[in-house]
């Protein structure tokens, strides 16, 4: 519903890139890096309903983000389990 999404997205993307280049894995933010399985599940449900072609990319990026957050010690493996379950369960549904 945004008239000119590039005006909203451009500053966010620039800041994300600058933070990633400057901070590396310390720049990880968002529901995946926090292990927020409920929010990720809702994102996937919404994407499946409105932009199903985006689900596979979301899953791939979310899994990579989770792996990096775990490796960097930002997300404990035990806390990541519900998130990884959501990502794995959705992958099976998408593949089917």
PDB file of N, CA and C in Angstrom:
ATOM      1  N   UNK A   1       0.786  -1.192   0.000  1.00  0.00           N
ATOM      2  CA  UNK A   1       0.000   0.000   0.000  1.00  0.00           C
ATOM      3  C   UNK A   1       0.836   1.268   0.000  1.00  0.00           C
ATOM      4  N   UNK A   2       2.128   1.152  -0.177  1.00  0.00           N
ATOM      5  CA  UNK A   2       2.994   2.327  -0.187  1.00  0.00           C
ATOM      6  C   UNK A   2       3.135   2.809  -1.624  1.00  0.00           C
ATOM      7  N   UNK A   3       2.906   4.100  -1.833  1.00  0.00           N
ATOM      8  CA  UNK A   3       2.951   4.657  -3.177  1.00  0.00           C
ATOM      9  C   UNK A   3       4.306   4.553  -3.848  1.00  0.00           C
ATOM     10  N   UNK A   4       5.359   4.852  -3.131  1.00  0.00           N
ATOM     11  CA  UNK A   4       6.711   4.788  -3.670  1.00  0.00           C
ATOM     12  C   UNK A   4       7.585   3.978  -2.701  1.00  0.00           C
ATOM     13  N   UNK A   5       7.496   2.646  -2.776  1.00  0.00           N
ATOM     14  CA  UNK A   5       8.204   1.823  -1.797  1.00  0.00           C
ATOM     15  C   UNK A   5       9.716   2.032  -1.801  1.00  0.00           C
ATOM     16  N   UNK A   6      10.274   2.431  -2.932  1.00  0.00           N
ATOM     17  CA  UNK A   6      11.723   2.646  -2.985  1.00  0.00           C
ATOM     18  C   UNK A   6      12.162   3.765  -2.042  1.00  0.00           C
ATOM     19  N   UNK A   7      11.292   4.734  -1.801  1.00  0.00           N
ATOM     20  CA  UNK A   7      11.633   5.823  -0.883  1.00  0.00           C
ATOM     21  C   UNK A   7      11.656   5.344   0.568  1.00  0.00           C
ATOM     22  N   UNK A   8      10.877   4.333   0.868  1.00  0.00           N
ATOM     23  CA  UNK A   8      10.866   3.764   2.213  1.00  0.00           C
ATOM     24  C   UNK A   8      11.981   2.731   2.357  1.00  0.00           C
ATOM     25  N   UNK A   9      12.151   1.902   1.347  1.00  0.00           N
ATOM     26  CA  UNK A   9      13.118   0.808   1.432  1.00  0.00           C
ATOM     27  C   UNK A   9      14.570   1.236   1.281  1.00  0.00           C
ATOM     28  N   UNK A  10      14.841   2.221   0.441  1.00  0.00           N
ATOM     29  CA  UNK A  10      16.224   2.605   0.164  1.00  0.00           C
ATOM     30  C   UNK A  10      17.004   2.954   1.433  1.00  0.00           C
ATOM     31  N   UNK A  11      16.484   3.816   2.321  1.00  0.00           N
ATOM     32  CA  UNK A  11      17.258   4.126   3.528  1.00  0.00           C
ATOM     33  C   UNK A  11      17.437   2.906   4.444  1.00  0.00           C
ATOM     34  N   UNK A  12      16.429   2.059   4.494  1.00  0.00           N
ATOM     35  CA  UNK A  12      16.535   0.860   5.328  1.00  0.00           C
ATOM     36  C   UNK A  12      17.592  -0.094   4.787  1.00  0.00           C
ATOM     37  N   UNK A  13      17.597  -0.279   3.477  1.00  0.00           N
ATOM     38  CA  UNK A  13      18.579  -1.168   2.857  1.00  0.00           C
ATOM     39  C   UNK A  13      19.996  -0.612   2.983  1.00  0.00           C
ATOM     40  N   UNK A  14      20.142   0.698   2.807  1.00  0.00           N
ATOM     41  CA  UNK A  14      21.464   1.320   2.972  1.00  0.00           C
ATOM     42  C   UNK A  14      21.985   1.115   4.396  1.00  0.00           C
ATOM     43  N   UNK A  15      21.131   1.372   5.375  1.00  0.00           N
ATOM     44  CA  UNK A  15      21.537   1.225   6.778  1.00  0.00           C
ATOM     45  C   UNK A  15      21.884  -0.225   7.093  1.00  0.00           C
ATOM     46  N   UNK A  16      21.096  -1.164   6.579  1.00  0.00           N
ATOM     47  CA  UNK A  16      21.376  -2.579   6.821  1.00  0.00           C
ATOM     48  C   UNK A  16      22.718  -2.984   6.220  1.00  0.00           C
ATOM     49  N   UNK A  17      22.985  -2.536   5.001  1.00  0.00           N
ATOM     50  CA  UNK A  17      24.257  -2.862   4.362  1.00  0.00           C
ATOM     51  C   UNK A  17      25.424  -2.233   5.110  1.00  0.00           C
ATOM     52  N   UNK A  18      25.306  -0.958   5.459  1.00  0.00           N
ATOM     53  CA  UNK A  18      26.375  -0.283   6.192  1.00  0.00           C
ATOM     54  C   UNK A  18      26.651  -0.967   7.522  1.00  0.00           C
ATOM     55  N   UNK A  19      25.599  -1.338   8.239  1.00  0.00           N
ATOM     56  CA  UNK A  19      25.770  -2.034   9.521  1.00  0.00           C
ATOM     57  C   UNK A  19      26.427  -3.388   9.328  1.00  0.00           C
ATOM     58  N   UNK A  20      26.001  -4.122   8.318  1.00  0.00           N
ATOM     59  CA  UNK A  20      26.588  -5.443   8.068  1.00  0.00           C
ATOM     60  C   UNK A  20      28.066  -5.326   7.724  1.00  0.00           C
ATOM     61  N   UNK A  21      28.421  -4.341   6.914  1.00  0.00           N
ATOM     62  CA  UNK A  21      29.824  -4.161   6.543  1.00  0.00           C
ATOM     63  C   UNK A  21      30.664  -3.706   7.739  1.00  0.00           C
ATOM     64  N   UNK A  22      30.085  -2.889   8.592  1.00  0.00           N
ATOM     65  CA  UNK A  22      30.809  -2.342   9.734  1.00  0.00           C
ATOM     66  C   UNK A  22      30.855  -3.317  10.909  1.00  0.00           C
ATOM     67  N   UNK A  23      29.753  -4.022  11.156  1.00  0.00           N
ATOM     68  CA  UNK A  23      29.617  -4.816  12.377  1.00  0.00           C
ATOM     69  C   UNK A  23      29.629  -6.327  12.162  1.00  0.00           C
ATOM     70  N   UNK A  24      29.491  -6.776  10.926  1.00  0.00           N
ATOM     71  CA  UNK A  24      29.430  -8.216  10.678  1.00  0.00           C
ATOM     72  C   UNK A  24      28.200  -8.819  11.342  1.00  0.00           C
ATOM     73  N   UNK A  25      28.381  -9.970  11.969  1.00  0.00           N
ATOM     74  CA  UNK A  25      27.242 -10.664  12.579  1.00  0.00           C
ATOM     75  C   UNK A  25      26.628  -9.902  13.751  1.00  0.00           C
ATOM     76  N   UNK A  26      27.348  -8.940  14.314  1.00  0.00           N
ATOM     77  CA  UNK A  26      26.759  -8.120  15.377  1.00  0.00           C
ATOM     78  C   UNK A  26      25.637  -7.234  14.851  1.00  0.00           C
ATOM     79  N   UNK A  27      25.525  -7.106  13.536  1.00  0.00           N
ATOM     80  CA  UNK A  27      24.461  -6.307  12.939  1.00  0.00           C
ATOM     81  C   UNK A  27      23.168  -7.097  12.759  1.00  0.00           C
ATOM     82  N   UNK A  28      23.189  -8.388  13.033  1.00  0.00           N
ATOM     83  CA  UNK A  28      21.985  -9.197  12.854  1.00  0.00           C
ATOM     84  C   UNK A  28      20.872  -8.694  13.771  1.00  0.00           C
ATOM     85  N   UNK A  29      19.716  -8.460  13.178  1.00  0.00           N
ATOM     86  CA  UNK A  29      18.545  -8.039  13.940  1.00  0.00           C
ATOM     87  C   UNK A  29      17.326  -8.758  13.401  1.00  0.00           C
ATOM     88  N   UNK A  30      16.221  -8.573  14.046  1.00  0.00           N
ATOM     89  CA  UNK A  30      14.966  -9.110  13.546  1.00  0.00           C
ATOM     90  C   UNK A  30      14.559 -10.400  14.226  1.00  0.00           C
ATOM     91  N   UNK A  31      13.386 -10.890  13.842  1.00  0.00           N
ATOM     92  CA  UNK A  31      12.811 -12.042  14.537  1.00  0.00           C
ATOM     93  C   UNK A  31      13.634 -13.315  14.393  1.00  0.00           C
ATOM     94  N   UNK A  32      14.306 -13.510  13.280  1.00  0.00           N
ATOM     95  CA  UNK A  32      15.104 -14.723  13.112  1.00  0.00           C
ATOM     96  C   UNK A  32      16.285 -14.702  14.071  1.00  0.00           C
ATOM     97  N   UNK A  33      16.994 -13.593  14.124  1.00  0.00           N
ATOM     98  CA  UNK A  33      18.170 -13.524  14.993  1.00  0.00           C
ATOM     99  C   UNK A  33      17.789 -13.584  16.471  1.00  0.00           C
ATOM    100  N   UNK A  34      16.542 -13.262  16.797  1.00  0.00           N
ATOM    101  CA  UNK A  34      16.051 -13.361  18.183  1.00  0.00           C
ATOM    102  C   UNK A  34      15.446 -14.738  18.484  1.00  0.00           C
ATOM    103  N   UNK A  35      15.246 -15.545  17.443  1.00  0.00           N
ATOM    104  CA  UNK A  35      14.606 -16.836  17.643  1.00  0.00           C
ATOM    105  C   UNK A  35      13.108 -16.733  17.835  1.00  0.00           C
ATOM    106  N   UNK A  36      12.495 -15.702  17.301  1.00  0.00           N
ATOM    107  CA  UNK A  36      11.060 -15.447  17.460  1.00  0.00           C
ATOM    108  C   UNK A  36      10.264 -16.275  16.450  1.00  0.00           C
ATOM    109  N   UNK A  37      10.019 -17.519  16.805  1.00  0.00           N
ATOM    110  CA  UNK A  37       9.355 -18.458  15.899  1.00  0.00           C
ATOM    111  C   UNK A  37       7.939 -18.017  15.540  1.00  0.00           C
ATOM    112  N   UNK A  38       7.222 -17.421  16.472  1.00  0.00           N
ATOM    113  CA  UNK A  38       5.852 -16.993  16.202  1.00  0.00           C
ATOM    114  C   UNK A  38       5.776 -15.931  15.120  1.00  0.00           C
ATOM    115  N   UNK A  39       6.664 -14.950  15.199  1.00  0.00           N
ATOM    116  CA  UNK A  39       6.677 -13.896  14.187  1.00  0.00           C
ATOM    117  C   UNK A  39       7.084 -14.462  12.835  1.00  0.00           C
ATOM    118  N   UNK A  40       8.086 -15.322  12.813  1.00  0.00           N
ATOM    119  CA  UNK A  40       8.521 -15.927  11.555  1.00  0.00           C
ATOM    120  C   UNK A  40       7.391 -16.761  10.957  1.00  0.00           C
ATOM    121  N   UNK A  41       6.677 -17.502  11.783  1.00  0.00           N
ATOM    122  CA  UNK A  41       5.538 -18.282  11.290  1.00  0.00           C
ATOM    123  C   UNK A  41       4.493 -17.364  10.657  1.00  0.00           C
ATOM    124  N   UNK A  42       4.196 -16.240  11.310  1.00  0.00           N
ATOM    125  CA  UNK A  42       3.218 -15.290  10.752  1.00  0.00           C
ATOM    126  C   UNK A  42       3.729 -14.675   9.449  1.00  0.00           C
ATOM    127  N   UNK A  43       5.025 -14.362   9.396  1.00  0.00           N
ATOM    128  CA  UNK A  43       5.592 -13.853   8.137  1.00  0.00           C
ATOM    129  C   UNK A  43       5.377 -14.860   7.012  1.00  0.00           C
ATOM    130  N   UNK A  44       5.676 -16.115   7.295  1.00  0.00           N
ATOM    131  CA  UNK A  44       5.553 -17.156   6.268  1.00  0.00           C
ATOM    132  C   UNK A  44       4.099 -17.358   5.840  1.00  0.00           C
ATOM    133  N   UNK A  45       3.189 -17.306   6.787  1.00  0.00           N
ATOM    134  CA  UNK A  45       1.767 -17.450   6.453  1.00  0.00           C
ATOM    135  C   UNK A  45       1.322 -16.303   5.543  1.00  0.00           C
ATOM    136  N   UNK A  46       1.748 -15.098   5.881  1.00  0.00           N
ATOM    137  CA  UNK A  46       1.371 -13.922   5.088  1.00  0.00           C
ATOM    138  C   UNK A  46       1.992 -13.982   3.691  1.00  0.00           C
ATOM    139  N   UNK A  47       3.268 -14.358   3.635  1.00  0.00           N
ATOM    140  CA  UNK A  47       3.918 -14.499   2.333  1.00  0.00           C
ATOM    141  C   UNK A  47       3.242 -15.569   1.485  1.00  0.00           C
ATOM    142  N   UNK A  48       2.911 -16.702   2.098  1.00  0.00           N
ATOM    143  CA  UNK A  48       2.263 -17.784   1.353  1.00  0.00           C
ATOM    144  C   UNK A  48       0.933 -17.321   0.765  1.00  0.00           C
ATOM    145  N   UNK A  49       0.236 -16.449   1.494  1.00  0.00           N
ATOM    146  CA  UNK A  49      -1.066 -15.965   1.029  1.00  0.00           C
ATOM    147  C   UNK A  49      -0.952 -14.854  -0.006  1.00  0.00           C
ATOM    148  N   UNK A  50       0.084 -14.033   0.094  1.00  0.00           N
ATOM    149  CA  UNK A  50       0.148 -12.849  -0.762  1.00  0.00           C
ATOM    150  C   UNK A  50       1.274 -12.871  -1.794  1.00  0.00           C
ATOM    151  N   UNK A  51       2.341 -13.601  -1.519  1.00  0.00           N
ATOM    152  CA  UNK A  51       3.487 -13.633  -2.446  1.00  0.00           C
ATOM    153  C   UNK A  51       4.183 -14.987  -2.341  1.00  0.00           C
ATOM    154  N   UNK A  52       3.481 -16.041  -2.725  1.00  0.00           N
ATOM    155  CA  UNK A  52       4.034 -17.392  -2.534  1.00  0.00           C
ATOM    156  C   UNK A  52       5.382 -17.615  -3.211  1.00  0.00           C
ATOM    157  N   UNK A  53       5.670 -16.851  -4.249  1.00  0.00           N
ATOM    158  CA  UNK A  53       6.964 -16.996  -4.920  1.00  0.00           C
ATOM    159  C   UNK A  53       8.118 -16.516  -4.044  1.00  0.00           C
ATOM    160  N   UNK A  54       7.821 -15.807  -2.960  1.00  0.00           N
ATOM    161  CA  UNK A  54       8.847 -15.286  -2.052  1.00  0.00           C
ATOM    162  C   UNK A  54       9.173 -16.227  -0.900  1.00  0.00           C
ATOM    163  N   UNK A  55       8.365 -17.246  -0.696  1.00  0.00           N
ATOM    164  CA  UNK A  55       8.538 -18.120   0.466  1.00  0.00           C
ATOM    165  C   UNK A  55       9.889 -18.823   0.444  1.00  0.00           C
ATOM    166  N   UNK A  56      10.281 -19.379  -0.671  1.00  0.00           N
ATOM    167  CA  UNK A  56      11.556 -20.120  -0.735  1.00  0.00           C
ATOM    168  C   UNK A  56      12.737 -19.218  -0.395  1.00  0.00           C
ATOM    169  N   UNK A  57      12.746 -17.997  -0.916  1.00  0.00           N
ATOM    170  CA  UNK A  57      13.838 -17.064  -0.615  1.00  0.00           C
ATOM    171  C   UNK A  57      13.834 -16.686   0.860  1.00  0.00           C
ATOM    172  N   UNK A  58      12.660 -16.432   1.423  1.00  0.00           N
ATOM    173  CA  UNK A  58      12.557 -16.099   2.843  1.00  0.00           C
ATOM    174  C   UNK A  58      13.123 -17.244   3.681  1.00  0.00           C
ATOM    175  N   UNK A  59      12.738 -18.468   3.357  1.00  0.00           N
ATOM    176  CA  UNK A  59      13.218 -19.623   4.110  1.00  0.00           C
ATOM    177  C   UNK A  59      14.740 -19.751   4.038  1.00  0.00           C
ATOM    178  N   UNK A  60      15.286 -19.591   2.855  1.00  0.00           N
ATOM    179  CA  UNK A  60      16.733 -19.698   2.676  1.00  0.00           C
ATOM    180  C   UNK A  60      17.457 -18.636   3.489  1.00  0.00           C
ATOM    181  N   UNK A  61      17.014 -17.396   3.381  1.00  0.00           N
ATOM    182  CA  UNK A  61      17.661 -16.311   4.115  1.00  0.00           C
ATOM    183  C   UNK A  61      17.463 -16.446   5.623  1.00  0.00           C
ATOM    184  N   UNK A  62      16.283 -16.875   6.035  1.00  0.00           N
ATOM    185  CA  UNK A  62      16.026 -17.054   7.465  1.00  0.00           C
ATOM    186  C   UNK A  62      16.915 -18.148   8.047  1.00  0.00           C
ATOM    187  N   UNK A  63      17.070 -19.238   7.336  1.00  0.00           N
ATOM    188  CA  UNK A  63      17.923 -20.322   7.831  1.00  0.00           C
ATOM    189  C   UNK A  63      19.381 -19.871   7.926  1.00  0.00           C
ATOM    190  N   UNK A  64      19.854 -19.146   6.913  1.00  0.00           N
ATOM    191  CA  UNK A  64      21.238 -18.634   6.938  1.00  0.00           C
ATOM    192  C   UNK A  64      21.418 -17.649   8.096  1.00  0.00           C
ATOM    193  N   UNK A  65      20.434 -16.800   8.322  1.00  0.00           N
ATOM    194  CA  UNK A  65      20.508 -15.851   9.429  1.00  0.00           C
ATOM    195  C   UNK A  65      20.537 -16.582  10.759  1.00  0.00           C
ATOM    196  N   UNK A  66      19.685 -17.594  10.908  1.00  0.00           N
ATOM    197  CA  UNK A  66      19.667 -18.372  12.148  1.00  0.00           C
ATOM    198  C   UNK A  66      21.012 -19.062  12.371  1.00  0.00           C
ATOM    199  N   UNK A  67      21.551 -19.665  11.329  1.00  0.00           N
ATOM    200  CA  UNK A  67      22.850 -20.331  11.455  1.00  0.00           C
ATOM    201  C   UNK A  67      23.932 -19.348  11.887  1.00  0.00           C
ATOM    202  N   UNK A  68      23.930 -18.154  11.306  1.00  0.00           N
ATOM    203  CA  UNK A  68      24.941 -17.149  11.660  1.00  0.00           C
ATOM    204  C   UNK A  68      24.738 -16.651  13.079  1.00  0.00           C
ATOM    205  N   UNK A  69      23.484 -16.447  13.477  1.00  0.00           N
ATOM    206  CA  UNK A  69      23.207 -15.982  14.842  1.00  0.00           C
ATOM    207  C   UNK A  69      23.643 -17.025  15.864  1.00  0.00           C
ATOM    208  N   UNK A  70      23.422 -18.283  15.562  1.00  0.00           N
ATOM    209  CA  UNK A  70      23.860 -19.363  16.461  1.00  0.00           C
ATOM    210  C   UNK A  70      25.386 -19.401  16.518  1.00  0.00           C
ATOM    211  N   UNK A  71      26.031 -19.379  15.362  1.00  0.00           N
ATOM    212  CA  UNK A  71      27.494 -19.447  15.310  1.00  0.00           C
ATOM    213  C   UNK A  71      28.147 -18.260  16.022  1.00  0.00           C
ATOM    214  N   UNK A  72      27.515 -17.091  15.964  1.00  0.00           N
ATOM    215  CA  UNK A  72      28.057 -15.894  16.593  1.00  0.00           C
ATOM    216  C   UNK A  72      27.736 -15.824  18.081  1.00  0.00           C
ATOM    217  N   UNK A  73      26.941 -16.782  18.576  1.00  0.00           N
ATOM    218  CA  UNK A  73      26.575 -16.778  19.987  1.00  0.00           C
ATOM    219  C   UNK A  73      25.460 -15.802  20.321  1.00  0.00           C
ATOM    220  N   UNK A  74      24.820 -15.254  19.313  1.00  0.00           N
ATOM    221  CA  UNK A  74      23.716 -14.312  19.540  1.00  0.00           C
ATOM    222  C   UNK A  74      22.399 -15.037  19.819  1.00  0.00           C
ATOM    223  N   UNK A  75      22.324 -16.295  19.399  1.00  0.00           N
ATOM    224  CA  UNK A  75      21.126 -17.114  19.595  1.00  0.00           C
ATOM    225  C   UNK A  75      21.570 -18.483  20.082  1.00  0.00           C
ATOM    226  N   UNK A  76      21.110 -18.838  21.274  1.00  0.00           N
ATOM    227  CA  UNK A  76      21.490 -20.147  21.821  1.00  0.00           C
ATOM    228  C   UNK A  76      20.776 -21.251  21.043  1.00  0.00           C
ATOM    229  N   UNK A  77      21.478 -22.353  20.775  1.00  0.00           N
ATOM    230  CA  UNK A  77      20.851 -23.450  20.019  1.00  0.00           C
ATOM    231  C   UNK A  77      19.515 -23.905  20.619  1.00  0.00           C
ATOM    232  N   UNK A  78      19.428 -23.979  21.933  1.00  0.00           N
ATOM    233  CA  UNK A  78      18.168 -24.408  22.559  1.00  0.00           C
ATOM    234  C   UNK A  78      17.046 -23.419  22.275  1.00  0.00           C
ATOM    235  N   UNK A  79      17.380 -22.125  22.263  1.00  0.00           N
ATOM    236  CA  UNK A  79      16.374 -21.098  21.968  1.00  0.00           C
ATOM    237  C   UNK A  79      16.004 -21.074  20.489  1.00  0.00           C
ATOM    238  N   UNK A  80      16.901 -21.592  19.656  1.00  0.00           N
ATOM    239  CA  UNK A  80      16.664 -21.604  18.208  1.00  0.00           C
ATOM    240  C   UNK A  80      15.766 -22.759  17.772  1.00  0.00           C
ATOM    241  N   UNK A  81      15.616 -23.780  18.600  1.00  0.00           N
ATOM    242  CA  UNK A  81      14.877 -24.979  18.178  1.00  0.00           C
ATOM    243  C   UNK A  81      13.474 -24.690  17.659  1.00  0.00           C
ATOM    244  N   UNK A  82      12.642 -23.904  18.371  1.00  0.00           N
ATOM    245  CA  UNK A  82      11.302 -23.632  17.828  1.00  0.00           C
ATOM    246  C   UNK A  82      11.346 -22.932  16.471  1.00  0.00           C
ATOM    247  N   UNK A  83      12.276 -22.011  16.316  1.00  0.00           N
ATOM    248  CA  UNK A  83      12.435 -21.315  15.035  1.00  0.00           C
ATOM    249  C   UNK A  83      12.832 -22.285  13.939  1.00  0.00           C
ATOM    250  N   UNK A  84      13.816 -23.129  14.213  1.00  0.00           N
ATOM    251  CA  UNK A  84      14.269 -24.097  13.216  1.00  0.00           C
ATOM    252  C   UNK A  84      13.162 -25.085  12.871  1.00  0.00           C
ATOM    253  N   UNK A  85      12.332 -25.424  13.855  1.00  0.00           N
ATOM    254  CA  UNK A  85      11.176 -26.288  13.585  1.00  0.00           C
ATOM    255  C   UNK A  85      10.210 -25.612  12.606  1.00  0.00           C
ATOM    256  N   UNK A  86       9.956 -24.325  12.806  1.00  0.00           N
ATOM    257  CA  UNK A  86       9.074 -23.586  11.884  1.00  0.00           C
ATOM    258  C   UNK A  86       9.668 -23.597  10.486  1.00  0.00           C
ATOM    259  N   UNK A  87      10.960 -23.305  10.389  1.00  0.00           N
ATOM    260  CA  UNK A  87      11.599 -23.255   9.076  1.00  0.00           C
ATOM    261  C   UNK A  87      11.616 -24.625   8.413  1.00  0.00           C
ATOM    262  N   UNK A  88      11.876 -25.664   9.159  1.00  0.00           N
ATOM    263  CA  UNK A  88      11.900 -27.019   8.594  1.00  0.00           C
ATOM    264  C   UNK A  88      10.507 -27.480   8.194  1.00  0.00           C
ATOM    265  N   UNK A  89       9.533 -27.208   9.037  1.00  0.00           N
ATOM    266  CA  UNK A  89       8.157 -27.622   8.734  1.00  0.00           C
ATOM    267  C   UNK A  89       7.630 -26.930   7.509  1.00  0.00           C
ATOM    268  N   UNK A  90       7.939 -25.675   7.343  1.00  0.00           N
ATOM    269  CA  UNK A  90       7.481 -24.941   6.185  1.00  0.00           C
ATOM    270  C   UNK A  90       8.176 -25.417   4.941  1.00  0.00           C
ATOM    271  N   UNK A  91       9.464 -25.753   5.061  1.00  0.00           N
ATOM    272  CA  UNK A  91      10.187 -26.248   3.896  1.00  0.00           C
ATOM    273  C   UNK A  91       9.545 -27.528   3.374  1.00  0.00           C
ATOM    274  N   UNK A  92       9.139 -28.399   4.280  1.00  0.00           N
ATOM    275  CA  UNK A  92       8.480 -29.642   3.847  1.00  0.00           C
ATOM    276  C   UNK A  92       7.160 -29.326   3.149  1.00  0.00           C
ATOM    277  N   UNK A  93       6.388 -28.355   3.703  1.00  0.00           N
ATOM    278  CA  UNK A  93       5.114 -27.997   3.092  1.00  0.00           C
ATOM    279  C   UNK A  93       5.316 -27.398   1.701  1.00  0.00           C
ATOM    280  N   UNK A  94       6.335 -26.542   1.559  1.00  0.00           N
ATOM    281  CA  UNK A  94       6.585 -25.899   0.271  1.00  0.00           C
ATOM    282  C   UNK A  94       7.043 -26.932  -0.746  1.00  0.00           C
ATOM    283  N   UNK A  95       7.881 -27.893  -0.311  1.00  0.00           N
ATOM    284  CA  UNK A  95       8.402 -28.912  -1.225  1.00  0.00           C
ATOM    285  C   UNK A  95       7.311 -29.869  -1.675  1.00  0.00           C
ATOM    286  N   UNK A  96       6.303 -30.057  -0.856  1.00  0.00           N
ATOM    287  CA  UNK A  96       5.251 -31.039  -1.170  1.00  0.00           C
ATOM    288  C   UNK A  96       4.357 -30.602  -2.303  1.00  0.00           C
TER     289      UNK A  96
END
